[in-house]
């Protein structure tokens, strides 16, 4: 006789209650921030680096509150239309929450926020799948920047190398990556060993809301594509 589904044991760790509670906590935090801070900005980012972002967030924590996460949850938090917005006109910012974007509430002057985002940039090593910003080529001959212990690893990455009297030697010219093309896992590892950084972590302000009104600062990529 088949077992009754009503008597089936359910492991609590597999339920979605925690996910819902987390989303509700974000909505609550966003709405609280809308009361505590004067203005809201939506910003876009590329090549996010958590360490650098956390340092900025900690530096501004007395005057600013950042929110990253599900765009849909953030849209719900501020309101997607005039009927459910938490502040008059703030729902217009929800249209800019698409792709790699986030929000910040702040009491800083507009000029100060603009300066922070203009000056903020950190170059880091490119990850697999990102686009190469330059062509990197290695010429045939000794690679003295690598120790002899690295030779098996380099060969595993596809580089035509050999040991010549204890020195790693490239037996032919080798292109690590080409500008405009996706970076392979092997190229990513080699670029890191070479110390070549191609991934600038930067952020751009898209729009600003305040009790005085709403202003578009930069069109999001999704809107540019339609133009």
C-alpha atoms as a PDB file:
ATOM      1  CA  UNK A   1       0.000   0.000   0.000  1.00  0.00           C
ATOM      2  CA  UNK A   2       1.521   3.392  -0.998  1.00  0.00           C
ATOM      3  CA  UNK A   3       2.547   5.815   1.722  1.00  0.00           C
ATOM      4  CA  UNK A   4       0.328   8.837   2.352  1.00  0.00           C
ATOM      5  CA  UNK A   5       1.884  12.129   1.202  1.00  0.00           C
ATOM      6  CA  UNK A   6       0.219  13.838   4.145  1.00  0.00           C
ATOM      7  CA  UNK A   7       2.436  11.857   6.507  1.00  0.00           C
ATOM      8  CA  UNK A   8       5.654  12.683   4.632  1.00  0.00           C
ATOM      9  CA  UNK A   9       8.393  14.200   6.815  1.00  0.00           C
ATOM     10  CA  UNK A  10       9.686  17.583   5.670  1.00  0.00           C
ATOM     11  CA  UNK A  11      13.175  18.761   6.652  1.00  0.00           C
ATOM     12  CA  UNK A  12      12.907  22.301   7.969  1.00  0.00           C
ATOM     13  CA  UNK A  13      16.188  23.286   6.322  1.00  0.00           C
ATOM     14  CA  UNK A  14      14.529  22.792   2.928  1.00  0.00           C
ATOM     15  CA  UNK A  15      11.625  25.151   3.519  1.00  0.00           C
ATOM     16  CA  UNK A  16      11.560  28.651   2.024  1.00  0.00           C
ATOM     17  CA  UNK A  17      10.443  30.444   5.169  1.00  0.00           C
ATOM     18  CA  UNK A  18      13.889  31.870   5.827  1.00  0.00           C
ATOM     19  CA  UNK A  19      14.091  33.287   2.294  1.00  0.00           C
ATOM     20  CA  UNK A  20      10.796  35.076   2.717  1.00  0.00           C
ATOM     21  CA  UNK A  21      11.772  36.433   6.117  1.00  0.00           C
ATOM     22  CA  UNK A  22      15.022  37.735   4.650  1.00  0.00           C
ATOM     23  CA  UNK A  23      13.183  39.571   1.870  1.00  0.00           C
ATOM     24  CA  UNK A  24      10.740  41.052   4.356  1.00  0.00           C
ATOM     25  CA  UNK A  25      13.627  42.275   6.501  1.00  0.00           C
ATOM     26  CA  UNK A  26      15.153  44.046   3.485  1.00  0.00           C
ATOM     27  CA  UNK A  27      11.837  45.736   2.683  1.00  0.00           C
ATOM     28  CA  UNK A  28      11.535  46.873   6.299  1.00  0.00           C
ATOM     29  CA  UNK A  29      15.116  48.188   6.357  1.00  0.00           C
ATOM     30  CA  UNK A  30      14.640  50.106   3.093  1.00  0.00           C
ATOM     31  CA  UNK A  31      11.451  51.733   4.296  1.00  0.00           C
ATOM     32  CA  UNK A  32      13.094  52.657   7.587  1.00  0.00           C
ATOM     33  CA  UNK A  33      15.997  54.229   5.692  1.00  0.00           C
ATOM     34  CA  UNK A  34      13.545  56.263   3.599  1.00  0.00           C
ATOM     35  CA  UNK A  35      12.422  57.879   6.843  1.00  0.00           C
ATOM     36  CA  UNK A  36      15.906  58.424   8.283  1.00  0.00           C
ATOM     37  CA  UNK A  37      17.662  59.842   5.208  1.00  0.00           C
ATOM     38  CA  UNK A  38      16.851  62.785   2.998  1.00  0.00           C
ATOM     39  CA  UNK A  39      17.697  61.485  -0.480  1.00  0.00           C
ATOM     40  CA  UNK A  40      17.791  58.256  -2.485  1.00  0.00           C
ATOM     41  CA  UNK A  41      20.172  57.383  -5.315  1.00  0.00           C
ATOM     42  CA  UNK A  42      20.164  54.386  -7.644  1.00  0.00           C
ATOM     43  CA  UNK A  43      23.608  53.412  -8.930  1.00  0.00           C
ATOM     44  CA  UNK A  44      25.014  50.851 -11.350  1.00  0.00           C
ATOM     45  CA  UNK A  45      28.237  48.918 -10.880  1.00  0.00           C
ATOM     46  CA  UNK A  46      30.630  46.752 -12.845  1.00  0.00           C
ATOM     47  CA  UNK A  47      33.248  44.252 -11.682  1.00  0.00           C
ATOM     48  CA  UNK A  48      31.969  44.321  -8.108  1.00  0.00           C
ATOM     49  CA  UNK A  49      34.640  43.671  -5.470  1.00  0.00           C
ATOM     50  CA  UNK A  50      33.132  43.003  -2.065  1.00  0.00           C
ATOM     51  CA  UNK A  51      36.156  44.070  -0.022  1.00  0.00           C
ATOM     52  CA  UNK A  52      36.420  47.490  -1.655  1.00  0.00           C
ATOM     53  CA  UNK A  53      32.661  48.029  -1.487  1.00  0.00           C
ATOM     54  CA  UNK A  54      32.533  47.081   2.187  1.00  0.00           C
ATOM     55  CA  UNK A  55      35.308  49.588   2.941  1.00  0.00           C
ATOM     56  CA  UNK A  56      33.323  52.364   1.245  1.00  0.00           C
ATOM     57  CA  UNK A  57      30.135  51.368   3.040  1.00  0.00           C
ATOM     58  CA  UNK A  58      31.888  51.399   6.414  1.00  0.00           C
ATOM     59  CA  UNK A  59      33.472  54.769   5.668  1.00  0.00           C
ATOM     60  CA  UNK A  60      30.060  56.359   4.954  1.00  0.00           C
ATOM     61  CA  UNK A  61      27.929  54.463   7.465  1.00  0.00           C
ATOM     62  CA  UNK A  62      27.223  57.550   9.595  1.00  0.00           C
ATOM     63  CA  UNK A  63      25.582  59.413   6.710  1.00  0.00           C
ATOM     64  CA  UNK A  64      24.631  56.776   4.152  1.00  0.00           C
ATOM     65  CA  UNK A  65      22.908  53.401   3.867  1.00  0.00           C
ATOM     66  CA  UNK A  66      23.590  51.087   0.902  1.00  0.00           C
ATOM     67  CA  UNK A  67      21.302  48.330  -0.356  1.00  0.00           C
ATOM     68  CA  UNK A  68      22.294  45.567  -2.780  1.00  0.00           C
ATOM     69  CA  UNK A  69      20.318  42.451  -3.610  1.00  0.00           C
ATOM     70  CA  UNK A  70      17.255  41.439  -5.561  1.00  0.00           C
ATOM     71  CA  UNK A  71      16.101  44.319  -7.735  1.00  0.00           C
ATOM     72  CA  UNK A  72      12.509  43.105  -7.453  1.00  0.00           C
ATOM     73  CA  UNK A  73      12.642  43.212  -3.657  1.00  0.00           C
ATOM     74  CA  UNK A  74      14.124  46.718  -3.715  1.00  0.00           C
ATOM     75  CA  UNK A  75      11.419  47.827  -6.163  1.00  0.00           C
ATOM     76  CA  UNK A  76       8.718  46.515  -3.855  1.00  0.00           C
ATOM     77  CA  UNK A  77      10.373  48.211  -0.897  1.00  0.00           C
ATOM     78  CA  UNK A  78      10.174  51.733  -2.350  1.00  0.00           C
ATOM     79  CA  UNK A  79       7.060  51.091  -4.432  1.00  0.00           C
ATOM     80  CA  UNK A  80       6.594  50.392  -8.126  1.00  0.00           C
ATOM     81  CA  UNK A  81       3.885  52.977  -8.683  1.00  0.00           C
ATOM     82  CA  UNK A  82       2.108  55.982  -7.133  1.00  0.00           C
ATOM     83  CA  UNK A  83      -0.316  53.693  -5.296  1.00  0.00           C
ATOM     84  CA  UNK A  84       2.314  51.824  -3.253  1.00  0.00           C
ATOM     85  CA  UNK A  85       5.307  54.194  -3.080  1.00  0.00           C
ATOM     86  CA  UNK A  86       6.691  54.971   0.387  1.00  0.00           C
ATOM     87  CA  UNK A  87       7.426  58.600  -0.504  1.00  0.00           C
ATOM     88  CA  UNK A  88       5.828  60.838  -3.086  1.00  0.00           C
ATOM     89  CA  UNK A  89       7.538  60.368  -6.458  1.00  0.00           C
ATOM     90  CA  UNK A  90      10.079  57.820  -5.197  1.00  0.00           C
ATOM     91  CA  UNK A  91       8.571  55.009  -7.311  1.00  0.00           C
ATOM     92  CA  UNK A  92      10.251  56.545 -10.376  1.00  0.00           C
ATOM     93  CA  UNK A  93      13.576  55.252  -9.038  1.00  0.00           C
ATOM     94  CA  UNK A  94      12.320  51.651  -9.234  1.00  0.00           C
ATOM     95  CA  UNK A  95      12.489  51.808 -13.043  1.00  0.00           C
ATOM     96  CA  UNK A  96      16.276  52.134 -12.772  1.00  0.00           C
ATOM     97  CA  UNK A  97      16.680  49.014 -10.625  1.00  0.00           C
ATOM     98  CA  UNK A  98      17.641  46.555 -13.348  1.00  0.00           C
ATOM     99  CA  UNK A  99      20.812  44.565 -13.932  1.00  0.00           C
ATOM    100  CA  UNK A 100      23.818  45.342 -11.737  1.00  0.00           C
ATOM    101  CA  UNK A 101      22.327  48.123  -9.649  1.00  0.00           C
ATOM    102  CA  UNK A 102      21.844  49.124  -6.023  1.00  0.00           C
ATOM    103  CA  UNK A 103      20.421  51.908  -3.898  1.00  0.00           C
ATOM    104  CA  UNK A 104      21.762  54.277  -1.305  1.00  0.00           C
ATOM    105  CA  UNK A 105      19.991  56.604   1.061  1.00  0.00           C
ATOM    106  CA  UNK A 106      22.059  59.537   2.250  1.00  0.00           C
ATOM    107  CA  UNK A 107      22.145  62.912   3.947  1.00  0.00           C
ATOM    108  CA  UNK A 108      25.316  63.976   2.150  1.00  0.00           C
ATOM    109  CA  UNK A 109      25.232  67.002  -0.188  1.00  0.00           C
ATOM    110  CA  UNK A 110      24.708  66.212  -3.878  1.00  0.00           C
ATOM    111  CA  UNK A 111      28.179  67.468  -4.770  1.00  0.00           C
ATOM    112  CA  UNK A 112      29.805  65.184  -2.205  1.00  0.00           C
ATOM    113  CA  UNK A 113      27.952  62.096  -3.445  1.00  0.00           C
ATOM    114  CA  UNK A 114      28.903  62.917  -7.052  1.00  0.00           C
ATOM    115  CA  UNK A 115      32.562  63.352  -6.065  1.00  0.00           C
ATOM    116  CA  UNK A 116      32.661  60.033  -4.170  1.00  0.00           C
ATOM    117  CA  UNK A 117      31.288  58.099  -7.138  1.00  0.00           C
ATOM    118  CA  UNK A 118      33.457  59.911  -9.693  1.00  0.00           C
ATOM    119  CA  UNK A 119      36.639  59.220  -7.730  1.00  0.00           C
ATOM    120  CA  UNK A 120      35.722  55.650  -6.806  1.00  0.00           C
ATOM    121  CA  UNK A 121      37.542  53.047  -8.902  1.00  0.00           C
ATOM    122  CA  UNK A 122      39.784  50.087  -8.196  1.00  0.00           C
ATOM    123  CA  UNK A 123      41.561  47.999 -10.785  1.00  0.00           C
ATOM    124  CA  UNK A 124      41.592  44.277 -10.075  1.00  0.00           C
ATOM    125  CA  UNK A 125      42.382  41.000 -11.823  1.00  0.00           C
ATOM    126  CA  UNK A 126      39.875  39.975 -14.465  1.00  0.00           C
ATOM    127  CA  UNK A 127      37.707  36.952 -13.832  1.00  0.00           C
ATOM    128  CA  UNK A 128      36.823  34.170 -16.234  1.00  0.00           C
ATOM    129  CA  UNK A 129      34.344  35.311 -18.875  1.00  0.00           C
ATOM    130  CA  UNK A 130      35.050  39.027 -18.579  1.00  0.00           C
ATOM    131  CA  UNK A 131      36.181  40.961 -21.643  1.00  0.00           C
ATOM    132  CA  UNK A 132      39.870  41.623 -22.150  1.00  0.00           C
ATOM    133  CA  UNK A 133      40.679  45.332 -22.326  1.00  0.00           C
ATOM    134  CA  UNK A 134      44.002  44.732 -24.048  1.00  0.00           C
ATOM    135  CA  UNK A 135      45.944  42.083 -25.919  1.00  0.00           C
ATOM    136  CA  UNK A 136      48.631  40.377 -23.847  1.00  0.00           C
ATOM    137  CA  UNK A 137      51.358  38.515 -25.719  1.00  0.00           C
ATOM    138  CA  UNK A 138      54.491  36.765 -24.508  1.00  0.00           C
ATOM    139  CA  UNK A 139      57.518  36.435 -26.751  1.00  0.00           C
ATOM    140  CA  UNK A 140      59.526  33.274 -27.213  1.00  0.00           C
ATOM    141  CA  UNK A 141      62.357  32.949 -24.754  1.00  0.00           C
ATOM    142  CA  UNK A 142      63.048  32.763 -21.019  1.00  0.00           C
ATOM    143  CA  UNK A 143      60.303  33.719 -18.562  1.00  0.00           C
ATOM    144  CA  UNK A 144      62.474  34.762 -15.647  1.00  0.00           C
ATOM    145  CA  UNK A 145      59.499  36.054 -13.643  1.00  0.00           C
ATOM    146  CA  UNK A 146      58.506  32.412 -13.029  1.00  0.00           C
ATOM    147  CA  UNK A 147      60.396  29.941 -10.859  1.00  0.00           C
ATOM    148  CA  UNK A 148      61.173  26.476 -12.157  1.00  0.00           C
ATOM    149  CA  UNK A 149      58.475  25.000  -9.879  1.00  0.00           C
ATOM    150  CA  UNK A 150      55.849  26.870 -11.967  1.00  0.00           C
ATOM    151  CA  UNK A 151      56.699  25.085 -15.217  1.00  0.00           C
ATOM    152  CA  UNK A 152      54.200  22.178 -14.820  1.00  0.00           C
ATOM    153  CA  UNK A 153      51.425  24.611 -13.854  1.00  0.00           C
ATOM    154  CA  UNK A 154      52.098  26.901 -16.837  1.00  0.00           C
ATOM    155  CA  UNK A 155      52.151  23.929 -19.192  1.00  0.00           C
ATOM    156  CA  UNK A 156      48.792  22.844 -17.762  1.00  0.00           C
ATOM    157  CA  UNK A 157      47.376  26.270 -18.681  1.00  0.00           C
ATOM    158  CA  UNK A 158      48.306  25.638 -22.306  1.00  0.00           C
ATOM    159  CA  UNK A 159      51.541  27.608 -22.463  1.00  0.00           C
ATOM    160  CA  UNK A 160      54.291  26.017 -24.621  1.00  0.00           C
ATOM    161  CA  UNK A 161      57.010  26.007 -21.981  1.00  0.00           C
ATOM    162  CA  UNK A 162      59.965  23.866 -20.958  1.00  0.00           C
ATOM    163  CA  UNK A 163      62.813  23.993 -18.454  1.00  0.00           C
ATOM    164  CA  UNK A 164      66.183  25.028 -19.816  1.00  0.00           C
ATOM    165  CA  UNK A 165      68.909  24.758 -17.177  1.00  0.00           C
ATOM    166  CA  UNK A 166      66.393  25.492 -14.455  1.00  0.00           C
ATOM    167  CA  UNK A 167      64.848  28.472 -16.245  1.00  0.00           C
ATOM    168  CA  UNK A 168      61.272  28.421 -17.558  1.00  0.00           C
ATOM    169  CA  UNK A 169      61.436  29.009 -21.279  1.00  0.00           C
ATOM    170  CA  UNK A 170      58.660  29.761 -23.777  1.00  0.00           C
ATOM    171  CA  UNK A 171      59.337  27.717 -26.902  1.00  0.00           C
ATOM    172  CA  UNK A 172      57.135  29.917 -29.085  1.00  0.00           C
ATOM    173  CA  UNK A 173      55.276  33.234 -29.012  1.00  0.00           C
ATOM    174  CA  UNK A 174      52.098  32.938 -26.944  1.00  0.00           C
ATOM    175  CA  UNK A 175      48.962  35.100 -26.815  1.00  0.00           C
ATOM    176  CA  UNK A 176      47.400  35.078 -23.362  1.00  0.00           C
ATOM    177  CA  UNK A 177      44.289  37.032 -24.400  1.00  0.00           C
ATOM    178  CA  UNK A 178      43.032  39.357 -27.112  1.00  0.00           C
ATOM    179  CA  UNK A 179      41.384  42.713 -26.635  1.00  0.00           C
ATOM    180  CA  UNK A 180      37.584  42.505 -26.880  1.00  0.00           C
ATOM    181  CA  UNK A 181      37.439  38.724 -26.416  1.00  0.00           C
ATOM    182  CA  UNK A 182      36.254  36.767 -23.371  1.00  0.00           C
ATOM    183  CA  UNK A 183      38.976  35.749 -20.940  1.00  0.00           C
ATOM    184  CA  UNK A 184      39.338  31.988 -20.518  1.00  0.00           C
ATOM    185  CA  UNK A 185      39.949  30.328 -17.139  1.00  0.00           C
ATOM    186  CA  UNK A 186      43.550  29.616 -18.163  1.00  0.00           C
ATOM    187  CA  UNK A 187      44.127  33.208 -19.298  1.00  0.00           C
ATOM    188  CA  UNK A 188      42.664  34.509 -16.044  1.00  0.00           C
ATOM    189  CA  UNK A 189      45.175  32.485 -14.038  1.00  0.00           C
ATOM    190  CA  UNK A 190      48.114  33.541 -16.209  1.00  0.00           C
ATOM    191  CA  UNK A 191      47.171  37.233 -16.077  1.00  0.00           C
ATOM    192  CA  UNK A 192      47.073  37.028 -12.293  1.00  0.00           C
ATOM    193  CA  UNK A 193      50.563  35.502 -12.261  1.00  0.00           C
ATOM    194  CA  UNK A 194      51.784  38.255 -14.586  1.00  0.00           C
ATOM    195  CA  UNK A 195      50.219  40.928 -12.371  1.00  0.00           C
ATOM    196  CA  UNK A 196      48.079  42.262 -15.213  1.00  0.00           C
ATOM    197  CA  UNK A 197      44.819  43.848 -13.970  1.00  0.00           C
ATOM    198  CA  UNK A 198      41.982  44.477 -16.420  1.00  0.00           C
ATOM    199  CA  UNK A 199      38.827  44.716 -14.294  1.00  0.00           C
ATOM    200  CA  UNK A 200      38.011  48.210 -13.009  1.00  0.00           C
ATOM    201  CA  UNK A 201      35.455  48.132 -10.193  1.00  0.00           C
ATOM    202  CA  UNK A 202      33.461  51.341 -10.575  1.00  0.00           C
ATOM    203  CA  UNK A 203      30.015  52.696  -9.894  1.00  0.00           C
ATOM    204  CA  UNK A 204      27.843  55.277 -11.650  1.00  0.00           C
ATOM    205  CA  UNK A 205      24.906  57.283 -10.334  1.00  0.00           C
ATOM    206  CA  UNK A 206      21.746  56.729 -12.384  1.00  0.00           C
ATOM    207  CA  UNK A 207      19.116  58.827 -10.649  1.00  0.00           C
ATOM    208  CA  UNK A 208      18.333  60.829  -7.532  1.00  0.00           C
ATOM    209  CA  UNK A 209      15.123  61.267  -5.564  1.00  0.00           C
ATOM    210  CA  UNK A 210      14.542  63.878  -2.868  1.00  0.00           C
ATOM    211  CA  UNK A 211      11.446  65.570  -1.414  1.00  0.00           C
ATOM    212  CA  UNK A 212      12.147  68.327  -3.963  1.00  0.00           C
ATOM    213  CA  UNK A 213      11.737  65.978  -6.922  1.00  0.00           C
ATOM    214  CA  UNK A 214      13.245  63.254  -9.094  1.00  0.00           C
ATOM    215  CA  UNK A 215      16.211  63.656 -11.446  1.00  0.00           C
ATOM    216  CA  UNK A 216      17.757  61.305 -14.009  1.00  0.00           C
ATOM    217  CA  UNK A 217      21.562  61.448 -13.829  1.00  0.00           C
ATOM    218  CA  UNK A 218      22.415  58.740 -16.357  1.00  0.00           C
ATOM    219  CA  UNK A 219      20.256  56.437 -18.463  1.00  0.00           C
ATOM    220  CA  UNK A 220      20.595  52.752 -17.478  1.00  0.00           C
ATOM    221  CA  UNK A 221      22.012  50.339 -20.071  1.00  0.00           C
ATOM    222  CA  UNK A 222      18.594  48.731 -20.630  1.00  0.00           C
ATOM    223  CA  UNK A 223      17.178  52.088 -21.735  1.00  0.00           C
ATOM    224  CA  UNK A 224      20.190  52.907 -23.900  1.00  0.00           C
ATOM    225  CA  UNK A 225      19.633  49.689 -25.824  1.00  0.00           C
ATOM    226  CA  UNK A 226      16.166  50.879 -26.784  1.00  0.00           C
ATOM    227  CA  UNK A 227      17.342  54.239 -28.083  1.00  0.00           C
END
